[in-house]
Amino acid sequence: MHDALRQLEELLRRYGHVYEANQAAIARQSFERDPAAACRMMNSGDWWNDTQSIAAIDLAIDGGFTPEARADALALRNALIEVYSIMSSFGEHNDAGELIVSQFNKWAESHI
């Protein structure tokens, strides 16, 4: 989880998503102290349920569809898949998060 959250923070900052990057940093620090509480904190609209959520950010669009931006978008999706998987292992469930992660997995399987 630590690496996934660190990667989320770095990618989000690189593309100017400062608020969301700060959320990832706070979640990483919280996870180090109390993993279950951090997972509860990440089970929110700010992470999964909103059109302005972290999961809704598309770095490929933000970066003008360059090869680097597309690779960064894939890395962001993969980090979010890991975050959701670990969240789930701590008993957290989010319907929107589950749907988004399912879509991310389908895109990965079809190399999108």
C-alpha atoms as a PDB file:
ATOM      1  CA  MET A   1       0.000   0.000   0.000  1.00  0.00           C
ATOM      2  CA  HIS A   2       2.809   2.389   0.879  1.00  0.00           C
ATOM      3  CA  ASP A   3       4.312   2.191  -2.625  1.00  0.00           C
ATOM      4  CA  ALA A   4       0.933   2.522  -4.345  1.00  0.00           C
ATOM      5  CA  LEU A   5       0.041   5.606  -2.318  1.00  0.00           C
ATOM      6  CA  ARG A   6       3.490   7.123  -2.874  1.00  0.00           C
ATOM      7  CA  GLN A   7       3.123   6.563  -6.611  1.00  0.00           C
ATOM      8  CA  LEU A   8      -0.362   8.096  -6.589  1.00  0.00           C
ATOM      9  CA  GLU A   9       0.963  11.140  -4.787  1.00  0.00           C
ATOM     10  CA  GLU A  10       3.874  11.588  -7.212  1.00  0.00           C
ATOM     11  CA  LEU A  11       1.738  11.179 -10.334  1.00  0.00           C
ATOM     12  CA  LEU A  12      -1.008  13.463  -9.101  1.00  0.00           C
ATOM     13  CA  ARG A  13       1.471  16.195  -8.169  1.00  0.00           C
ATOM     14  CA  ARG A  14       3.208  15.906 -11.551  1.00  0.00           C
ATOM     15  CA  TYR A  15      -0.088  16.738 -13.282  1.00  0.00           C
ATOM     16  CA  GLY A  16      -1.143  19.517 -10.931  1.00  0.00           C
ATOM     17  CA  HIS A  17      -3.686  17.604  -8.848  1.00  0.00           C
ATOM     18  CA  VAL A  18      -2.345  19.002  -5.589  1.00  0.00           C
ATOM     19  CA  TYR A  19      -5.424  18.430  -3.414  1.00  0.00           C
ATOM     20  CA  GLU A  20      -5.690  14.802  -4.488  1.00  0.00           C
ATOM     21  CA  ALA A  21      -1.930  14.295  -4.076  1.00  0.00           C
ATOM     22  CA  ASN A  22      -2.231  15.617  -0.535  1.00  0.00           C
ATOM     23  CA  GLN A  23      -5.013  13.097   0.119  1.00  0.00           C
ATOM     24  CA  ALA A  24      -2.725  10.283  -1.026  1.00  0.00           C
ATOM     25  CA  ALA A  25       0.085  11.570   1.221  1.00  0.00           C
ATOM     26  CA  ILE A  26      -2.252  11.759   4.225  1.00  0.00           C
ATOM     27  CA  ALA A  27      -3.551   8.255   3.496  1.00  0.00           C
ATOM     28  CA  ARG A  28       0.018   6.911   3.287  1.00  0.00           C
ATOM     29  CA  GLN A  29       0.970   8.467   6.609  1.00  0.00           C
ATOM     30  CA  SER A  30      -2.265   7.254   8.182  1.00  0.00           C
ATOM     31  CA  PHE A  31      -1.736   3.729   6.831  1.00  0.00           C
ATOM     32  CA  GLU A  32       1.652   3.573   8.542  1.00  0.00           C
ATOM     33  CA  ARG A  33       0.003   4.328  11.906  1.00  0.00           C
ATOM     34  CA  ASP A  34      -3.330   2.517  11.573  1.00  0.00           C
ATOM     35  CA  PRO A  35      -4.012   0.589   8.355  1.00  0.00           C
ATOM     36  CA  ALA A  36      -7.668  -0.103   9.097  1.00  0.00           C
ATOM     37  CA  ALA A  37      -8.403   3.554   9.850  1.00  0.00           C
ATOM     38  CA  ALA A  38      -6.604   4.615   6.675  1.00  0.00           C
ATOM     39  CA  CYS A  39      -8.710   2.204   4.634  1.00  0.00           C
ATOM     40  CA  ARG A  40     -11.881   3.595   6.192  1.00  0.00           C
ATOM     41  CA  MET A  41     -10.687   7.099   5.328  1.00  0.00           C
ATOM     42  CA  MET A  42     -10.036   6.136   1.691  1.00  0.00           C
ATOM     43  CA  ASN A  43     -13.482   4.571   1.404  1.00  0.00           C
ATOM     44  CA  SER A  44     -15.003   7.913   0.467  1.00  0.00           C
ATOM     45  CA  GLY A  45     -16.395   9.940  -2.381  1.00  0.00           C
ATOM     46  CA  ASP A  46     -13.147  11.877  -2.627  1.00  0.00           C
ATOM     47  CA  TRP A  47     -11.453   8.647  -3.640  1.00  0.00           C
ATOM     48  CA  TRP A  48     -14.114   6.730  -5.586  1.00  0.00           C
ATOM     49  CA  ASN A  49     -17.651   8.113  -5.846  1.00  0.00           C
ATOM     50  CA  ASP A  50     -17.448  11.532  -7.393  1.00  0.00           C
ATOM     51  CA  THR A  51     -16.719  12.865 -10.857  1.00  0.00           C
ATOM     52  CA  GLN A  52     -13.989  14.864  -9.107  1.00  0.00           C
ATOM     53  CA  SER A  53     -12.638  11.817  -7.261  1.00  0.00           C
ATOM     54  CA  ILE A  54      -9.090  10.538  -7.484  1.00  0.00           C
ATOM     55  CA  ALA A  55     -10.340   7.528  -9.440  1.00  0.00           C
ATOM     56  CA  ALA A  56     -11.938   9.828 -12.035  1.00  0.00           C
ATOM     57  CA  ILE A  57      -8.675  11.559 -12.918  1.00  0.00           C
ATOM     58  CA  ASP A  58      -7.336  10.657 -16.343  1.00  0.00           C
ATOM     59  CA  LEU A  59      -3.693  11.634 -16.673  1.00  0.00           C
ATOM     60  CA  ALA A  60      -3.705  10.734 -20.375  1.00  0.00           C
ATOM     61  CA  ILE A  61      -6.187  13.549 -21.013  1.00  0.00           C
ATOM     62  CA  ASP A  62      -4.349  15.903 -18.651  1.00  0.00           C
ATOM     63  CA  GLY A  63      -1.082  15.198 -20.445  1.00  0.00           C
ATOM     64  CA  GLY A  64      -2.384  15.597 -23.986  1.00  0.00           C
ATOM     65  CA  PHE A  65      -2.327  11.874 -24.809  1.00  0.00           C
ATOM     66  CA  THR A  66       1.465  11.779 -25.106  1.00  0.00           C
ATOM     67  CA  PRO A  67       3.063   8.354 -24.656  1.00  0.00           C
ATOM     68  CA  GLU A  68       4.334   9.424 -21.216  1.00  0.00           C
ATOM     69  CA  ALA A  69       0.885  10.643 -20.152  1.00  0.00           C
ATOM     70  CA  ARG A  70      -0.720   7.392 -21.296  1.00  0.00           C
ATOM     71  CA  ALA A  71       1.878   5.405 -19.329  1.00  0.00           C
ATOM     72  CA  ASP A  72       1.270   7.596 -16.288  1.00  0.00           C
ATOM     73  CA  ALA A  73      -2.497   7.066 -16.609  1.00  0.00           C
ATOM     74  CA  LEU A  74      -1.931   3.313 -16.621  1.00  0.00           C
ATOM     75  CA  ALA A  75       0.344   3.574 -13.583  1.00  0.00           C
ATOM     76  CA  LEU A  76      -2.306   5.632 -11.758  1.00  0.00           C
ATOM     77  CA  ARG A  77      -5.000   3.053 -12.536  1.00  0.00           C
ATOM     78  CA  ASN A  78      -2.744   0.199 -11.393  1.00  0.00           C
ATOM     79  CA  ALA A  79      -1.984   1.991  -8.127  1.00  0.00           C
ATOM     80  CA  LEU A  80      -5.705   2.563  -7.556  1.00  0.00           C
ATOM     81  CA  ILE A  81      -6.382  -1.139  -8.205  1.00  0.00           C
ATOM     82  CA  GLU A  82      -3.832  -1.998  -5.515  1.00  0.00           C
ATOM     83  CA  VAL A  83      -5.263   0.540  -3.088  1.00  0.00           C
ATOM     84  CA  TYR A  84      -8.788  -0.801  -3.559  1.00  0.00           C
ATOM     85  CA  SER A  85      -7.620  -4.403  -3.212  1.00  0.00           C
ATOM     86  CA  ILE A  86      -5.895  -3.668   0.084  1.00  0.00           C
ATOM     87  CA  MET A  87      -8.850  -1.593   1.262  1.00  0.00           C
ATOM     88  CA  SER A  88     -11.078  -4.582   0.549  1.00  0.00           C
ATOM     89  CA  SER A  89      -8.782  -6.879   2.508  1.00  0.00           C
ATOM     90  CA  PHE A  90      -9.432  -4.624   5.514  1.00  0.00           C
ATOM     91  CA  GLY A  91     -13.178  -5.086   5.066  1.00  0.00           C
ATOM     92  CA  GLU A  92     -13.917  -1.829   3.256  1.00  0.00           C
ATOM     93  CA  HIS A  93     -16.358  -1.978   0.364  1.00  0.00           C
ATOM     94  CA  ASN A  94     -17.371   0.796  -1.970  1.00  0.00           C
ATOM     95  CA  ASP A  95     -19.804   0.105  -4.822  1.00  0.00           C
ATOM     96  CA  ALA A  96     -18.386   2.861  -7.029  1.00  0.00           C
ATOM     97  CA  GLY A  97     -14.833   1.792  -6.257  1.00  0.00           C
ATOM     98  CA  GLU A  98     -15.619  -1.793  -7.130  1.00  0.00           C
ATOM     99  CA  LEU A  99     -17.132  -0.740 -10.444  1.00  0.00           C
ATOM    100  CA  ILE A 100     -14.201   1.543 -11.294  1.00  0.00           C
ATOM    101  CA  VAL A 101     -11.590  -1.078 -10.407  1.00  0.00           C
ATOM    102  CA  SER A 102     -13.477  -3.641 -12.464  1.00  0.00           C
ATOM    103  CA  GLN A 103     -13.351  -1.274 -15.430  1.00  0.00           C
ATOM    104  CA  PHE A 104      -9.640  -0.592 -14.874  1.00  0.00           C
ATOM    105  CA  ASN A 105      -9.000  -4.349 -14.885  1.00  0.00           C
ATOM    106  CA  LYS A 106     -10.961  -4.774 -18.126  1.00  0.00           C
ATOM    107  CA  TRP A 107      -8.962  -1.989 -19.743  1.00  0.00           C
ATOM    108  CA  ALA A 108      -5.723  -3.625 -18.593  1.00  0.00           C
ATOM    109  CA  GLU A 109      -6.802  -6.959 -20.081  1.00  0.00           C
ATOM    110  CA  SER A 110      -7.585  -5.282 -23.408  1.00  0.00           C
ATOM    111  CA  HIS A 111      -4.387  -3.161 -23.272  1.00  0.00           C
ATOM    112  CA  ILE A 112      -6.204   0.178 -23.206  1.00  0.00           C
END
